[in-house]
Amino acid sequence: MLVAAVLICGASALVGEAAARCLGLERGKGWSPAVGLSLLMAITLGAGKLPGYGTTAAVAALAVAALCLVSLLASGGIGLPSPAAVTLTVVAACAACLPFLSNGRHARGSASP
């Protein structure tokens, strides 16, 4: 489950950065991952109604993220965040994982209380 959250966050950042480039900005701002998540949600909502349901939605999200990655690499690379932003993100992610790690829900196949 945590891996899926990390993948969604990464894909959201890629799609948001590509959207910022499409708007003519050299580098996305702090809002670009939120925009990316919104775009991915809209895409998967529409794709989830097609045959295959969740699988089709996942493939559509993966395809959009891959196209955005190719587009960003072709247009001059991906801007790296500041070290302070990376540190804050890692600390916040670790703090958010503490409840899951403390009650054993991180283990696959663990029974719920």
Protein backbone atom coordinates (compact mmCIF):
# COMPACT_ATOMS: atom_id res chain seq x y z
CA MET A 1 0.00 0.00 0.00
CA LEU A 2 2.83 2.39 0.80
CA VAL A 3 4.49 1.56 -2.51
CA ALA A 4 1.28 2.47 -4.33
CA ALA A 5 1.16 5.81 -2.50
CA VAL A 6 4.77 6.56 -3.49
CA LEU A 7 4.03 5.67 -7.13
CA ILE A 8 0.95 7.89 -7.17
CA CYS A 9 2.92 10.79 -5.70
CA GLY A 10 5.70 10.34 -8.25
CA ALA A 11 3.28 10.13 -11.16
CA SER A 12 1.43 13.20 -9.88
CA ALA A 13 4.67 15.17 -9.75
CA LEU A 14 5.57 14.12 -13.31
CA VAL A 15 2.16 14.94 -14.75
CA GLY A 16 1.98 18.25 -12.87
CA GLU A 17 5.44 19.28 -14.03
CA ALA A 18 4.47 18.45 -17.63
CA ALA A 19 1.27 20.48 -17.22
CA ALA A 20 3.30 23.44 -15.96
CA ARG A 21 5.56 23.19 -19.00
CA CYS A 22 2.49 23.13 -21.25
CA LEU A 23 1.37 26.37 -19.60
CA GLY A 24 4.67 27.95 -20.58
CA LEU A 25 6.37 27.85 -17.18
CA GLU A 26 10.00 26.79 -17.14
CA ARG A 27 9.59 24.90 -13.91
CA GLY A 28 6.48 24.02 -11.99
CA LYS A 29 5.79 25.52 -8.63
CA GLY A 30 4.62 23.83 -5.44
CA TRP A 31 1.19 23.36 -6.97
CA SER A 32 2.33 21.11 -9.81
CA PRO A 33 1.94 17.75 -7.94
CA ALA A 34 -1.59 18.75 -6.91
CA VAL A 35 -2.45 19.60 -10.50
CA GLY A 36 -0.90 16.31 -11.61
CA LEU A 37 -2.99 14.36 -9.12
CA SER A 38 -6.13 16.15 -10.31
CA LEU A 39 -5.34 15.33 -13.94
CA LEU A 40 -4.59 11.69 -13.10
CA MET A 41 -7.86 11.43 -11.17
CA ALA A 42 -9.80 12.81 -14.13
CA ILE A 43 -8.07 10.42 -16.53
CA THR A 44 -8.57 7.35 -14.35
CA LEU A 45 -12.20 8.27 -13.66
CA GLY A 46 -12.93 8.23 -17.38
CA ALA A 47 -10.78 5.17 -18.08
CA GLY A 48 -12.33 3.26 -15.18
CA LYS A 49 -15.66 3.17 -17.01
CA LEU A 50 -14.13 1.36 -19.98
CA PRO A 51 -13.94 -2.45 -20.20
CA GLY A 52 -11.33 -3.70 -17.78
CA TYR A 53 -12.33 -1.10 -15.16
CA GLY A 54 -9.48 -0.70 -12.65
CA THR A 55 -6.90 -2.35 -14.88
CA THR A 56 -7.72 0.01 -17.73
CA ALA A 57 -7.52 2.99 -15.38
CA ALA A 58 -4.13 1.87 -14.04
CA VAL A 59 -2.76 1.35 -17.56
CA ALA A 60 -4.06 4.77 -18.63
CA ALA A 61 -2.42 6.45 -15.62
CA LEU A 62 0.85 4.63 -16.31
CA ALA A 63 0.73 5.61 -19.99
CA VAL A 64 0.09 9.28 -19.18
CA ALA A 65 2.92 9.33 -16.62
CA ALA A 66 5.29 7.68 -19.10
CA LEU A 67 4.36 10.16 -21.84
CA CYS A 68 4.89 13.05 -19.44
CA LEU A 69 8.30 11.68 -18.46
CA VAL A 70 9.33 11.37 -22.11
CA SER A 71 8.03 14.88 -22.80
CA LEU A 72 9.91 16.37 -19.85
CA LEU A 73 13.15 14.63 -20.77
CA ALA A 74 12.85 15.79 -24.37
CA SER A 75 12.18 19.40 -23.37
CA GLY A 76 15.22 19.91 -21.20
CA GLY A 77 14.98 17.59 -18.24
CA ILE A 78 13.22 17.59 -14.94
CA GLY A 79 13.99 20.30 -12.41
CA LEU A 80 15.20 18.97 -9.09
CA PRO A 81 13.57 20.21 -5.88
CA SER A 82 15.57 22.04 -3.24
CA PRO A 83 17.28 19.93 -0.54
CA ALA A 84 15.09 21.55 2.12
CA ALA A 85 11.94 20.43 0.29
CA VAL A 86 13.27 16.88 -0.03
CA THR A 87 14.18 16.76 3.66
CA LEU A 88 10.77 18.06 4.70
CA THR A 89 9.03 15.55 2.43
CA VAL A 90 11.02 12.61 3.83
CA VAL A 91 10.35 13.67 7.44
CA ALA A 92 6.62 14.13 6.76
CA ALA A 93 6.39 10.77 4.97
CA CYS A 94 8.13 8.98 7.82
CA ALA A 95 5.82 10.63 10.35
CA ALA A 96 2.78 9.65 8.29
CA CYS A 97 3.95 6.00 8.20
CA LEU A 98 4.38 5.67 11.98
CA PRO A 99 0.77 4.65 12.75
CA PHE A 100 0.88 1.94 10.08
CA LEU A 101 4.25 0.64 11.22
CA SER A 102 3.29 0.61 14.91
CA ASN A 103 0.17 -1.54 14.51
CA GLY A 104 1.60 -4.02 12.01
CA ARG A 105 -0.54 -3.08 9.02
CA HIS A 106 2.52 -2.70 6.83
CA ALA A 107 3.01 -6.48 6.68
CA ARG A 108 1.36 -8.28 3.81
CA GLY A 109 -1.41 -10.61 4.89
CA SER A 110 -1.67 -9.28 8.43
CA ALA A 111 -5.06 -9.70 10.02
CA SER A 112 -7.00 -6.61 10.94
CA PRO A 113 -8.00 -6.21 14.61
